[in-house]
PDB file of N, CA and C in Angstrom:
ATOM      1  N   MET A   1       0.855  -1.176   0.000  1.00  0.00           N
ATOM      2  CA  MET A   1       0.000   0.000   0.000  1.00  0.00           C
ATOM      3  C   MET A   1       0.900   1.238   0.000  1.00  0.00           C
ATOM      4  N   ASP A   2       0.639   2.172  -0.912  1.00  0.00           N
ATOM      5  CA  ASP A   2       1.447   3.375  -1.000  1.00  0.00           C
ATOM      6  C   ASP A   2       1.001   4.399   0.049  1.00  0.00           C
ATOM      7  N   ALA A   3       1.759   5.489   0.166  1.00  0.00           N
ATOM      8  CA  ALA A   3       1.488   6.498   1.187  1.00  0.00           C
ATOM      9  C   ALA A   3       0.100   7.100   1.029  1.00  0.00           C
ATOM     10  N   PHE A   4      -0.282   7.436  -0.207  1.00  0.00           N
ATOM     11  CA  PHE A   4      -1.598   8.031  -0.403  1.00  0.00           C
ATOM     12  C   PHE A   4      -2.702   7.089   0.043  1.00  0.00           C
ATOM     13  N   SER A   5      -2.590   5.822  -0.295  1.00  0.00           N
ATOM     14  CA  SER A   5      -3.618   4.841   0.094  1.00  0.00           C
ATOM     15  C   SER A   5      -3.729   4.724   1.606  1.00  0.00           C
ATOM     16  N   LYS A   6      -2.591   4.746   2.297  1.00  0.00           N
ATOM     17  CA  LYS A   6      -2.616   4.676   3.763  1.00  0.00           C
ATOM     18  C   LYS A   6      -3.288   5.915   4.358  1.00  0.00           C
ATOM     19  N   ILE A   7      -2.966   7.086   3.800  1.00  0.00           N
ATOM     20  CA  ILE A   7      -3.578   8.319   4.287  1.00  0.00           C
ATOM     21  C   ILE A   7      -5.075   8.315   3.997  1.00  0.00           C
ATOM     22  N   ALA A   8      -5.462   7.931   2.792  1.00  0.00           N
ATOM     23  CA  ALA A   8      -6.877   7.899   2.422  1.00  0.00           C
ATOM     24  C   ALA A   8      -7.654   6.931   3.307  1.00  0.00           C
ATOM     25  N   THR A   9      -7.071   5.781   3.598  1.00  0.00           N
ATOM     26  CA  THR A   9      -7.728   4.805   4.461  1.00  0.00           C
ATOM     27  C   THR A   9      -7.908   5.357   5.873  1.00  0.00           C
ATOM     28  N   ALA A  10      -6.864   5.980   6.407  1.00  0.00           N
ATOM     29  CA  ALA A  10      -6.952   6.556   7.752  1.00  0.00           C
ATOM     30  C   ALA A  10      -7.988   7.677   7.795  1.00  0.00           C
ATOM     31  N   LEU A  11      -8.016   8.514   6.779  1.00  0.00           N
ATOM     32  CA  LEU A  11      -9.007   9.590   6.717  1.00  0.00           C
ATOM     33  C   LEU A  11     -10.415   9.036   6.613  1.00  0.00           C
ATOM     34  N   ALA A  12     -10.597   8.039   5.778  1.00  0.00           N
ATOM     35  CA  ALA A  12     -11.924   7.443   5.590  1.00  0.00           C
ATOM     36  C   ALA A  12     -12.444   6.846   6.892  1.00  0.00           C
ATOM     37  N   GLU A  13     -11.578   6.193   7.639  1.00  0.00           N
ATOM     38  CA  GLU A  13     -11.997   5.609   8.915  1.00  0.00           C
ATOM     39  C   GLU A  13     -12.462   6.691   9.880  1.00  0.00           C
ATOM     40  N   ARG A  14     -11.750   7.802   9.918  1.00  0.00           N
ATOM     41  CA  ARG A  14     -12.118   8.894  10.829  1.00  0.00           C
ATOM     42  C   ARG A  14     -13.345   9.658  10.351  1.00  0.00           C
ATOM     43  N   ALA A  15     -13.486   9.792   9.031  1.00  0.00           N
ATOM     44  CA  ALA A  15     -14.586  10.582   8.476  1.00  0.00           C
ATOM     45  C   ALA A  15     -15.839   9.755   8.227  1.00  0.00           C
ATOM     46  N   GLY A  16     -15.712   8.443   8.310  1.00  0.00           N
ATOM     47  CA  GLY A  16     -16.855   7.578   8.048  1.00  0.00           C
ATOM     48  C   GLY A  16     -17.249   7.553   6.585  1.00  0.00           C
ATOM     49  N   SER A  17     -16.243   7.628   5.719  1.00  0.00           N
ATOM     50  CA  SER A  17     -16.508   7.590   4.280  1.00  0.00           C
ATOM     51  C   SER A  17     -15.680   6.486   3.641  1.00  0.00           C
ATOM     52  N   ALA A  18     -15.836   6.324   2.344  1.00  0.00           N
ATOM     53  CA  ALA A  18     -15.093   5.299   1.616  1.00  0.00           C
ATOM     54  C   ALA A  18     -13.727   5.839   1.213  1.00  0.00           C
ATOM     55  N   ALA A  19     -12.698   5.027   1.370  1.00  0.00           N
ATOM     56  CA  ALA A  19     -11.339   5.450   1.032  1.00  0.00           C
ATOM     57  C   ALA A  19     -11.214   5.779  -0.445  1.00  0.00           C
ATOM     58  N   ASP A  20     -11.940   5.076  -1.296  1.00  0.00           N
ATOM     59  CA  ASP A  20     -11.824   5.341  -2.731  1.00  0.00           C
ATOM     60  C   ASP A  20     -12.499   6.651  -3.143  1.00  0.00           C
ATOM     61  N   ALA A  21     -13.270   7.250  -2.232  1.00  0.00           N
ATOM     62  CA  ALA A  21     -13.888   8.547  -2.506  1.00  0.00           C
ATOM     63  C   ALA A  21     -12.927   9.698  -2.211  1.00  0.00           C
ATOM     64  N   ILE A  22     -11.812   9.392  -1.554  1.00  0.00           N
ATOM     65  CA  ILE A  22     -10.823  10.415  -1.210  1.00  0.00           C
ATOM     66  C   ILE A  22      -9.759  10.440  -2.298  1.00  0.00           C
ATOM     67  N   ILE A  23      -9.619  11.604  -2.906  1.00  0.00           N
ATOM     68  CA  ILE A  23      -8.634  11.798  -3.970  1.00  0.00           C
ATOM     69  C   ILE A  23      -7.629  12.860  -3.521  1.00  0.00           C
ATOM     70  N   PRO A  24      -6.496  12.995  -4.201  1.00  0.00           N
ATOM     71  CA  PRO A  24      -5.506  13.984  -3.773  1.00  0.00           C
ATOM     72  C   PRO A  24      -6.057  15.408  -3.659  1.00  0.00           C
ATOM     73  N   GLU A  25      -7.061  15.739  -4.442  1.00  0.00           N
ATOM     74  CA  GLU A  25      -7.633  17.086  -4.411  1.00  0.00           C
ATOM     75  C   GLU A  25      -8.660  17.286  -3.296  1.00  0.00           C
ATOM     76  N   THR A  26      -8.981  16.227  -2.566  1.00  0.00           N
ATOM     77  CA  THR A  26      -9.951  16.334  -1.477  1.00  0.00           C
ATOM     78  C   THR A  26      -9.402  17.255  -0.398  1.00  0.00           C
ATOM     79  N   LYS A  27     -10.211  18.225  -0.012  1.00  0.00           N
ATOM     80  CA  LYS A  27      -9.818  19.150   1.056  1.00  0.00           C
ATOM     81  C   LYS A  27     -10.193  18.536   2.398  1.00  0.00           C
ATOM     82  N   PHE A  28      -9.342  18.764   3.391  1.00  0.00           N
ATOM     83  CA  PHE A  28      -9.624  18.224   4.719  1.00  0.00           C
ATOM     84  C   PHE A  28     -10.961  18.733   5.239  1.00  0.00           C
ATOM     85  N   GLN A  29     -11.310  19.976   4.932  1.00  0.00           N
ATOM     86  CA  GLN A  29     -12.583  20.547   5.376  1.00  0.00           C
ATOM     87  C   GLN A  29     -13.773  19.775   4.815  1.00  0.00           C
ATOM     88  N   GLU A  30     -13.637  19.228   3.625  1.00  0.00           N
ATOM     89  CA  GLU A  30     -14.728  18.471   3.001  1.00  0.00           C
ATOM     90  C   GLU A  30     -15.042  17.185   3.753  1.00  0.00           C
ATOM     91  N   LEU A  31     -14.101  16.726   4.555  1.00  0.00           N
ATOM     92  CA  LEU A  31     -14.284  15.459   5.272  1.00  0.00           C
ATOM     93  C   LEU A  31     -14.962  15.645   6.621  1.00  0.00           C
ATOM     94  N   SER A  32     -15.255  16.884   6.967  1.00  0.00           N
ATOM     95  CA  SER A  32     -15.954  17.214   8.223  1.00  0.00           C
ATOM     96  C   SER A  32     -15.217  16.678   9.452  1.00  0.00           C
ATOM     97  N   LEU A  33     -13.913  16.801   9.439  1.00  0.00           N
ATOM     98  CA  LEU A  33     -13.115  16.393  10.593  1.00  0.00           C
ATOM     99  C   LEU A  33     -12.914  17.593  11.502  1.00  0.00           C
ATOM    100  N   ASP A  34     -13.104  17.394  12.785  1.00  0.00           N
ATOM    101  CA  ASP A  34     -12.836  18.499  13.704  1.00  0.00           C
ATOM    102  C   ASP A  34     -11.348  18.517  14.047  1.00  0.00           C
ATOM    103  N   SER A  35     -10.926  19.502  14.794  1.00  0.00           N
ATOM    104  CA  SER A  35      -9.499  19.669  15.082  1.00  0.00           C
ATOM    105  C   SER A  35      -8.927  18.491  15.863  1.00  0.00           C
ATOM    106  N   LEU A  36      -9.715  17.876  16.721  1.00  0.00           N
ATOM    107  CA  LEU A  36      -9.248  16.707  17.465  1.00  0.00           C
ATOM    108  C   LEU A  36      -9.031  15.528  16.522  1.00  0.00           C
ATOM    109  N   ASP A  37      -9.945  15.322  15.595  1.00  0.00           N
ATOM    110  CA  ASP A  37      -9.784  14.259  14.601  1.00  0.00           C
ATOM    111  C   ASP A  37      -8.502  14.450  13.805  1.00  0.00           C
ATOM    112  N   VAL A  38      -8.255  15.681  13.369  1.00  0.00           N
ATOM    113  CA  VAL A  38      -7.055  15.974  12.581  1.00  0.00           C
ATOM    114  C   VAL A  38      -5.800  15.746  13.421  1.00  0.00           C
ATOM    115  N   ALA A  39      -5.814  16.194  14.663  1.00  0.00           N
ATOM    116  CA  ALA A  39      -4.649  16.013  15.533  1.00  0.00           C
ATOM    117  C   ALA A  39      -4.361  14.523  15.754  1.00  0.00           C
ATOM    118  N   GLU A  40      -5.398  13.733  15.997  1.00  0.00           N
ATOM    119  CA  GLU A  40      -5.218  12.293  16.192  1.00  0.00           C
ATOM    120  C   GLU A  40      -4.728  11.622  14.908  1.00  0.00           C
ATOM    121  N   LEU A  41      -5.269  12.046  13.785  1.00  0.00           N
ATOM    122  CA  LEU A  41      -4.838  11.506  12.505  1.00  0.00           C
ATOM    123  C   LEU A  41      -3.357  11.795  12.275  1.00  0.00           C
ATOM    124  N   ILE A  42      -2.950  13.003  12.540  1.00  0.00           N
ATOM    125  CA  ILE A  42      -1.547  13.377  12.351  1.00  0.00           C
ATOM    126  C   ILE A  42      -0.639  12.554  13.243  1.00  0.00           C
ATOM    127  N   MET A  43      -1.029  12.357  14.489  1.00  0.00           N
ATOM    128  CA  MET A  43      -0.214  11.530  15.391  1.00  0.00           C
ATOM    129  C   MET A  43      -0.114  10.096  14.876  1.00  0.00           C
ATOM    130  N   ASP A  44      -1.226   9.556  14.378  1.00  0.00           N
ATOM    131  CA  ASP A  44      -1.208   8.197  13.817  1.00  0.00           C
ATOM    132  C   ASP A  44      -0.280   8.116  12.605  1.00  0.00           C
ATOM    133  N   LEU A  45      -0.367   9.113  11.720  1.00  0.00           N
ATOM    134  CA  LEU A  45       0.481   9.118  10.526  1.00  0.00           C
ATOM    135  C   LEU A  45       1.952   9.300  10.881  1.00  0.00           C
ATOM    136  N   GLU A  46       2.229  10.115  11.884  1.00  0.00           N
ATOM    137  CA  GLU A  46       3.610  10.284  12.329  1.00  0.00           C
ATOM    138  C   GLU A  46       4.175   8.963  12.816  1.00  0.00           C
ATOM    139  N   ASP A  47       3.377   8.212  13.563  1.00  0.00           N
ATOM    140  CA  ASP A  47       3.817   6.905  14.051  1.00  0.00           C
ATOM    141  C   ASP A  47       3.987   5.913  12.904  1.00  0.00           C
ATOM    142  N   THR A  48       3.036   5.889  11.994  1.00  0.00           N
ATOM    143  CA  THR A  48       3.070   4.943  10.874  1.00  0.00           C
ATOM    144  C   THR A  48       4.270   5.165   9.969  1.00  0.00           C
ATOM    145  N   PHE A  49       4.550   6.440   9.657  1.00  0.00           N
ATOM    146  CA  PHE A  49       5.595   6.759   8.691  1.00  0.00           C
ATOM    147  C   PHE A  49       6.909   7.228   9.323  1.00  0.00           C
ATOM    148  N   SER A  50       6.963   7.297  10.656  1.00  0.00           N
ATOM    149  CA  SER A  50       8.165   7.764  11.366  1.00  0.00           C
ATOM    150  C   SER A  50       8.621   9.135  10.863  1.00  0.00           C
ATOM    151  N   VAL A  51       7.674  10.056  10.806  1.00  0.00           N
ATOM    152  CA  VAL A  51       7.954  11.435  10.390  1.00  0.00           C
ATOM    153  C   VAL A  51       7.369  12.382  11.433  1.00  0.00           C
ATOM    154  N   THR A  52       7.739  13.644  11.318  1.00  0.00           N
ATOM    155  CA  THR A  52       7.148  14.690  12.134  1.00  0.00           C
ATOM    156  C   THR A  52       6.387  15.620  11.207  1.00  0.00           C
ATOM    157  N   ILE A  53       5.132  15.863  11.527  1.00  0.00           N
ATOM    158  CA  ILE A  53       4.278  16.707  10.700  1.00  0.00           C
ATOM    159  C   ILE A  53       3.935  17.965  11.486  1.00  0.00           C
ATOM    160  N   ASP A  54       4.235  19.106  10.908  1.00  0.00           N
ATOM    161  CA  ASP A  54       3.904  20.388  11.510  1.00  0.00           C
ATOM    162  C   ASP A  54       2.488  20.754  11.081  1.00  0.00           C
ATOM    163  N   MET A  55       1.556  20.749  12.020  1.00  0.00           N
ATOM    164  CA  MET A  55       0.153  21.029  11.685  1.00  0.00           C
ATOM    165  C   MET A  55      -0.004  22.389  11.017  1.00  0.00           C
ATOM    166  N   ALA A  56       0.821  23.349  11.387  1.00  0.00           N
ATOM    167  CA  ALA A  56       0.717  24.685  10.806  1.00  0.00           C
ATOM    168  C   ALA A  56       1.105  24.683   9.330  1.00  0.00           C
ATOM    169  N   GLN A  57       1.909  23.713   8.925  1.00  0.00           N
ATOM    170  CA  GLN A  57       2.365  23.629   7.541  1.00  0.00           C
ATOM    171  C   GLN A  57       1.577  22.624   6.709  1.00  0.00           C
ATOM    172  N   LEU A  58       0.620  21.959   7.331  1.00  0.00           N
ATOM    173  CA  LEU A  58      -0.173  20.960   6.630  1.00  0.00           C
ATOM    174  C   LEU A  58      -0.997  21.637   5.546  1.00  0.00           C
ATOM    175  N   GLY A  59      -0.958  21.116   4.353  1.00  0.00           N
ATOM    176  CA  GLY A  59      -1.689  21.701   3.230  1.00  0.00           C
ATOM    177  C   GLY A  59      -3.189  21.569   3.397  1.00  0.00           C
ATOM    178  N   ALA A  60      -3.900  22.206   2.521  1.00  0.00           N
ATOM    179  CA  ALA A  60      -5.363  22.195   2.572  1.00  0.00           C
ATOM    180  C   ALA A  60      -5.959  20.926   1.983  1.00  0.00           C
ATOM    181  N   THR A  61      -5.164  20.215   1.156  1.00  0.00           N
ATOM    182  CA  THR A  61      -5.687  19.014   0.522  1.00  0.00           C
ATOM    183  C   THR A  61      -4.901  17.777   0.949  1.00  0.00           C
ATOM    184  N   VAL A  62      -5.500  16.647   0.706  1.00  0.00           N
ATOM    185  CA  VAL A  62      -4.858  15.375   1.032  1.00  0.00           C
ATOM    186  C   VAL A  62      -3.559  15.236   0.234  1.00  0.00           C
ATOM    187  N   GLY A  63      -3.586  15.592  -1.028  1.00  0.00           N
ATOM    188  CA  GLY A  63      -2.414  15.493  -1.878  1.00  0.00           C
ATOM    189  C   GLY A  63      -1.256  16.347  -1.377  1.00  0.00           C
ATOM    190  N   GLN A  64      -1.552  17.533  -0.859  1.00  0.00           N
ATOM    191  CA  GLN A  64      -0.503  18.395  -0.333  1.00  0.00           C
ATOM    192  C   GLN A  64       0.149  17.784   0.904  1.00  0.00           C
ATOM    193  N   SER A  65      -0.582  16.975   1.628  1.00  0.00           N
ATOM    194  CA  SER A  65      -0.012  16.344   2.818  1.00  0.00           C
ATOM    195  C   SER A  65       1.030  15.294   2.467  1.00  0.00           C
ATOM    196  N   LEU A  66       1.021  14.832   1.217  1.00  0.00           N
ATOM    197  CA  LEU A  66       1.997  13.819   0.786  1.00  0.00           C
ATOM    198  C   LEU A  66       3.426  14.348   0.772  1.00  0.00           C
ATOM    199  N   LEU A  67       3.607  15.637   0.860  1.00  0.00           N
ATOM    200  CA  LEU A  67       4.948  16.221   0.886  1.00  0.00           C
ATOM    201  C   LEU A  67       5.762  15.712   2.078  1.00  0.00           C
ATOM    202  N   TYR A  68       5.077  15.249   3.115  1.00  0.00           N
ATOM    203  CA  TYR A  68       5.769  14.741   4.303  1.00  0.00           C
ATOM    204  C   TYR A  68       6.252  13.303   4.148  1.00  0.00           C
ATOM    205  N   PHE A  69       5.786  12.613   3.109  1.00  0.00           N
ATOM    206  CA  PHE A  69       6.061  11.179   3.011  1.00  0.00           C
ATOM    207  C   PHE A  69       6.919  10.830   1.839  1.00  0.00           C
TER     208      PHE A  69
END
């Protein structure tokens, strides 16, 4: 599974949507995630990929978040 697929799957689980409905152009706001959901998602992704993600630098779309991976 590539990085985008892992991110899409994690987002879908939190948003209660289908992973295949999430595309790189999907905006985080469109997924109706609150700030706690986003913070938990970021912590999970940091653990999964062994990276550090600066929430202030996180892009507006799922595709922009791939810059960290």
